[in-house]
Amino acid sequence: MIDNFSVKLLKNTRIVKQKESNIKLIYWLKGSGKINLDLDTYNMKKRDLVFIMLNDLSSIEGETNSVIAIIEISFTDYLRFADDYIRQKGYKFSSIERKQLESFIINLLEFESRKPRLPHIRDKLVKHLCVELGYIQRKHRQNYKLDNPLVDEVHEYIIEHHHEKINKQALANSLDMSNKELSQVIKFHTPYHNIAQYINDIRLKLCLLDILAVNLFKILLINMDLIIFRDLLHYLVRNMG
C-alpha cells in the first residue's frame, strides 16, 4: 500500500519557501511562473516538470490563471521503488526526460480525477512512476542515448505477443539482434533490469487497462438504465388519466 501519496491541482499558486518532507513532482499545466529550488530558479511554462527532493527548500510563484499539478510521494515509497538510483537534490527535467515521464503523470492525473475505489491500481501507477524516475536518474545512463529506435520495436513485439509465452531468443531473432544486444537495450534504454520484468510490466498495464475499460462500461450501462427509466417515467406521467 502506498502511503502519504497525494495529487493536487492548484490555480494561481503562491507557496512560500518550505523544507520538503517527501518528494514532489510539479507539472505545469497552464500559464507560467517560477519555482525556486534551493539556490536555483526555474522559469516554468506549460508542460514543464520539476523534481523536488527530500529536504529541498522550495517555493512556487504561479502567474495569473496558471494551473499546476503537485504529485507528492513519500520518500520511503520512492526509495522502495526507485532502488538506489536517486539524486541528492531536485532539478528541472530536460524535454527528453519530461517526455519519458509525461505519460505516467497524465495517466495518474486522469486516474485520480475519477477517484475510483481501486487503490491497488493507483499503487501500481505510482510504482511505475517511481521506477521510471529512478531509471532516468541512473548515473551511468549519461553514457547512453536517451532514446533508441530498437526500444519501439521490442515494445511492439511484446504488445503483439503479450498473450503468448515470449521466448527471449525468439524475440532477439525477430529483431535481428543477439541476446546480449537485447539485454543491453532493455537495461540501458528502459526502466527495467531485464526482459522478463519488461514483459510482466506490460502485461500488468494491459490488464489494468482492461479493468478500467470494464468499469467504464459498467458506468455507461448504469447511465443508460437511468436515462431509460427517466424517459419511461416521463411517458407514464404524460399519459396518466
Protein backbone atom coordinates (compact mmCIF):
# COMPACT_ATOMS: atom_id res chain seq x y z
CA MET A 1 0.00 0.00 0.00
CA ILE A 2 1.34 3.45 -0.98
CA ASP A 3 1.46 5.83 1.99
CA ASN A 4 1.29 9.64 2.09
CA PHE A 5 0.52 9.97 -1.60
CA SER A 6 -1.47 12.93 -2.92
CA VAL A 7 -2.33 14.79 -6.12
CA LYS A 8 -3.34 18.45 -6.02
CA LEU A 9 -4.44 20.76 -8.83
CA LEU A 10 -3.80 24.39 -7.89
CA LYS A 11 -4.54 27.69 -9.63
CA ASN A 12 -2.60 30.96 -9.25
CA THR A 13 -0.34 29.19 -6.78
CA ARG A 14 1.85 31.06 -4.31
CA ILE A 15 3.73 28.78 -1.93
CA VAL A 16 6.32 30.36 0.34
CA LYS A 17 9.69 28.72 0.85
CA GLN A 18 9.42 25.48 2.77
CA LYS A 19 11.55 22.43 3.53
CA GLU A 20 10.19 19.31 1.84
CA SER A 21 9.43 16.22 3.91
CA ASN A 22 8.74 13.97 0.91
CA ILE A 23 9.44 14.10 -2.82
CA LYS A 24 7.27 16.07 -5.23
CA LEU A 25 6.74 16.40 -8.96
CA ILE A 26 5.48 19.80 -10.11
CA TYR A 27 3.84 19.54 -13.54
CA TRP A 28 2.88 22.88 -15.14
CA LEU A 29 -0.50 22.50 -16.85
CA LYS A 30 -1.27 26.08 -17.87
CA GLY A 31 0.27 29.55 -17.85
CA SER A 32 3.71 30.40 -16.50
CA GLY A 33 5.57 31.07 -13.29
CA LYS A 34 8.70 30.30 -11.30
CA ILE A 35 9.94 27.59 -8.98
CA ASN A 36 12.74 28.44 -6.58
CA LEU A 37 14.66 25.34 -5.55
CA ASP A 38 17.46 25.92 -3.04
CA LEU A 39 19.75 28.36 -4.91
CA ASP A 40 18.27 27.72 -8.36
CA THR A 41 15.33 29.45 -10.05
CA TYR A 42 13.42 27.77 -12.89
CA ASN A 43 11.10 29.63 -15.23
CA MET A 44 8.07 27.44 -15.84
CA LYS A 45 5.62 27.16 -18.72
CA LYS A 46 3.06 24.63 -19.93
CA ARG A 47 4.29 21.01 -19.72
CA ASP A 48 7.46 21.85 -17.76
CA LEU A 49 8.29 19.40 -14.99
CA VAL A 50 10.35 19.79 -11.82
CA PHE A 51 11.50 17.14 -9.34
CA ILE A 52 11.75 18.24 -5.69
CA MET A 53 13.82 16.07 -3.37
CA LEU A 54 13.52 15.42 0.36
CA ASN A 55 14.92 18.35 2.40
CA ASP A 56 14.97 20.72 -0.59
CA LEU A 57 13.96 24.32 0.13
CA SER A 58 11.34 25.25 -2.46
CA SER A 59 8.81 27.94 -3.28
CA ILE A 60 6.35 28.35 -6.15
CA GLU A 61 5.21 31.58 -7.83
CA GLY A 62 2.41 31.00 -10.31
CA GLU A 63 1.26 33.82 -12.58
CA THR A 64 -2.41 34.77 -13.00
CA ASN A 65 -4.51 31.90 -14.44
CA SER A 66 -1.64 29.42 -14.09
CA VAL A 67 -2.58 25.83 -13.17
CA ILE A 68 -0.18 23.26 -11.77
CA ALA A 69 -0.34 19.67 -10.58
CA ILE A 70 1.60 18.68 -7.47
CA ILE A 71 2.23 14.96 -7.07
CA GLU A 72 3.60 14.09 -3.63
CA ILE A 73 5.07 10.67 -2.86
CA SER A 74 6.52 9.56 0.46
CA PHE A 75 10.29 9.33 0.43
CA THR A 76 10.07 5.79 1.80
CA ASP A 77 7.97 4.59 -1.14
CA TYR A 78 10.20 6.41 -3.58
CA LEU A 79 13.28 4.63 -2.20
CA ARG A 80 11.46 1.31 -2.25
CA PHE A 81 10.59 1.51 -5.94
CA ALA A 82 13.31 3.72 -7.38
CA ASP A 83 16.05 1.48 -5.93
CA ASP A 84 19.38 3.26 -5.34
CA TYR A 85 19.24 5.39 -8.48
CA ILE A 86 18.36 8.72 -6.90
CA ARG A 87 19.64 12.28 -6.99
CA GLN A 88 20.55 14.20 -3.87
CA LYS A 89 18.68 17.36 -4.87
CA GLY A 90 15.81 18.45 -7.07
CA TYR A 91 16.03 19.84 -10.58
CA LYS A 92 14.07 20.66 -13.72
CA PHE A 93 13.76 17.80 -16.22
CA SER A 94 15.05 18.19 -19.75
CA SER A 95 12.46 17.98 -22.52
CA ILE A 96 13.57 14.42 -23.35
CA GLU A 97 13.28 13.29 -19.73
CA ARG A 98 9.94 15.05 -19.34
CA LYS A 99 8.54 13.21 -22.36
CA GLN A 100 9.55 9.91 -20.79
CA LEU A 101 7.67 10.73 -17.60
CA GLU A 102 4.70 12.59 -19.06
CA SER A 103 2.58 9.57 -19.95
CA PHE A 104 2.97 8.18 -16.42
CA ILE A 105 1.97 11.53 -14.92
CA ILE A 106 -1.03 12.05 -17.20
CA ASN A 107 -2.29 8.51 -16.55
CA LEU A 108 -2.02 9.14 -12.81
CA LEU A 109 -3.81 12.51 -13.05
CA GLU A 110 -6.63 11.02 -15.12
CA PHE A 111 -6.99 8.11 -12.72
CA GLU A 112 -7.12 10.39 -9.66
CA SER A 113 -9.64 12.72 -11.34
CA ARG A 114 -12.13 9.84 -11.48
CA LYS A 115 -11.45 8.95 -7.83
CA PRO A 116 -12.24 5.24 -8.31
CA ARG A 117 -12.08 2.93 -5.32
CA LEU A 118 -9.21 0.95 -6.78
CA PRO A 119 -6.21 1.64 -4.52
CA HIS A 120 -4.27 -1.34 -5.88
CA ILE A 121 -4.32 0.19 -9.38
CA ARG A 122 -3.31 3.58 -8.04
CA ASP A 123 -0.42 1.92 -6.20
CA LYS A 124 0.77 0.30 -9.41
CA LEU A 125 0.66 3.62 -11.28
CA VAL A 126 2.70 5.30 -8.54
CA LYS A 127 5.16 2.42 -8.56
CA HIS A 128 5.64 2.71 -12.33
CA LEU A 129 6.28 6.44 -11.96
CA CYS A 130 8.88 5.86 -9.23
CA VAL A 131 10.63 3.17 -11.25
CA GLU A 132 10.82 5.50 -14.24
CA LEU A 133 12.18 8.30 -12.04
CA GLY A 134 14.87 6.01 -10.72
CA TYR A 135 15.73 4.88 -14.22
CA ILE A 136 16.15 8.42 -15.52
CA GLN A 137 18.41 9.29 -12.61
CA ARG A 138 20.82 6.42 -13.03
CA LYS A 139 24.32 7.88 -13.22
CA HIS A 140 25.71 5.54 -15.85
CA ARG A 141 22.77 6.27 -18.14
CA GLN A 142 24.52 9.50 -19.11
CA ASN A 143 26.80 7.37 -21.30
CA TYR A 144 23.90 6.27 -23.50
CA LYS A 145 21.37 7.92 -25.76
CA LEU A 146 18.11 8.82 -24.07
CA ASP A 147 16.12 7.25 -26.85
CA ASN A 148 16.72 4.22 -29.04
CA PRO A 149 14.58 3.11 -32.01
CA LEU A 150 15.10 -0.54 -31.06
CA VAL A 151 13.06 0.04 -27.89
CA ASP A 152 9.97 0.74 -30.03
CA GLU A 153 10.49 -2.50 -31.96
CA VAL A 154 10.88 -4.51 -28.76
CA HIS A 155 7.81 -2.82 -27.29
CA GLU A 156 5.68 -3.52 -30.37
CA TYR A 157 6.72 -7.18 -30.38
CA ILE A 158 5.80 -7.60 -26.69
CA ILE A 159 2.44 -5.87 -27.18
CA GLU A 160 1.62 -8.07 -30.16
CA HIS A 161 2.62 -11.31 -28.40
CA HIS A 162 1.83 -10.46 -24.76
CA HIS A 163 -0.84 -13.18 -24.57
CA GLU A 164 1.70 -15.83 -25.63
CA LYS A 165 4.75 -17.30 -23.93
CA ILE A 166 7.53 -14.98 -25.13
CA ASN A 167 10.94 -16.55 -25.63
CA LYS A 168 13.88 -14.16 -25.30
CA GLN A 169 15.81 -15.82 -28.13
CA ALA A 170 12.79 -15.71 -30.45
CA LEU A 171 12.33 -12.02 -29.66
CA ALA A 172 16.01 -11.30 -30.37
CA ASN A 173 15.90 -13.28 -33.62
CA SER A 174 12.80 -11.44 -34.85
CA LEU A 175 14.67 -8.14 -34.47
CA ASP A 176 17.99 -9.44 -35.89
CA MET A 177 19.69 -8.98 -32.54
CA SER A 178 21.79 -11.13 -30.27
CA ASN A 179 20.69 -11.98 -26.74
CA LYS A 180 23.40 -9.66 -25.42
CA GLU A 181 22.26 -6.74 -27.59
CA LEU A 182 18.66 -7.26 -26.48
CA SER A 183 19.72 -7.28 -22.82
CA GLN A 184 21.67 -4.04 -23.29
CA VAL A 185 18.71 -2.31 -24.95
CA ILE A 186 16.45 -3.30 -22.05
CA LYS A 187 18.98 -2.40 -19.36
CA PHE A 188 20.10 0.97 -20.68
CA HIS A 189 17.08 2.29 -22.58
CA THR A 190 14.10 1.21 -20.48
CA PRO A 191 13.29 1.43 -16.76
CA TYR A 192 13.63 -2.34 -16.43
CA HIS A 193 16.53 -4.55 -15.40
CA ASN A 194 15.72 -7.45 -17.73
CA ILE A 195 13.32 -8.59 -20.44
CA ALA A 196 11.17 -10.67 -18.07
CA GLN A 197 10.47 -7.60 -15.92
CA TYR A 198 9.58 -5.60 -19.04
CA ILE A 199 7.17 -8.28 -20.32
CA ASN A 200 5.47 -8.68 -16.94
CA ASP A 201 5.02 -4.93 -16.56
CA ILE A 202 3.43 -4.56 -20.00
CA ARG A 203 1.08 -7.46 -19.25
CA LEU A 204 0.14 -5.80 -15.97
CA LYS A 205 -0.56 -2.46 -17.67
CA LEU A 206 -2.74 -4.12 -20.29
CA CYS A 207 -4.60 -5.91 -17.53
CA LEU A 208 -5.16 -2.58 -15.74
CA LEU A 209 -6.50 -1.06 -18.94
CA ASP A 210 -8.93 -3.96 -19.26
CA ILE A 211 -10.12 -3.42 -15.68
CA LEU A 212 -10.62 0.31 -16.29
CA ALA A 213 -12.46 -0.41 -19.53
CA VAL A 214 -14.81 -2.87 -17.79
CA ASN A 215 -15.54 -0.36 -15.02
CA LEU A 216 -16.20 2.40 -17.56
CA PHE A 217 -18.57 0.08 -19.45
CA LYS A 218 -20.46 -0.62 -16.21
CA ILE A 219 -20.79 3.13 -15.59
CA LEU A 220 -22.13 3.60 -19.13
CA LEU A 221 -24.67 0.82 -18.61
CA ILE A 222 -25.85 2.40 -15.35
CA ASN A 223 -26.23 5.78 -17.06
CA MET A 224 -28.18 4.19 -19.93
CA ASP A 225 -30.50 2.48 -17.43
CA LEU A 226 -31.10 5.80 -15.68
CA ILE A 227 -31.91 7.53 -18.97
CA ILE A 228 -34.33 4.75 -20.00
CA PHE A 229 -36.01 4.86 -16.57
CA ARG A 230 -36.29 8.68 -16.72
CA ASP A 231 -37.83 8.60 -20.20
CA LEU A 232 -40.27 5.86 -19.17
CA LEU A 233 -41.29 7.86 -16.11
CA HIS A 234 -41.90 10.99 -18.22
CA TYR A 235 -44.02 8.92 -20.64
CA LEU A 236 -46.16 7.49 -17.83
CA VAL A 237 -46.70 10.93 -16.26
CA ARG A 238 -47.77 12.45 -19.58
CA ASN A 239 -50.24 9.64 -20.22
CA MET A 240 -51.78 9.30 -16.74
CA GLY A 241 -55.55 9.73 -16.55
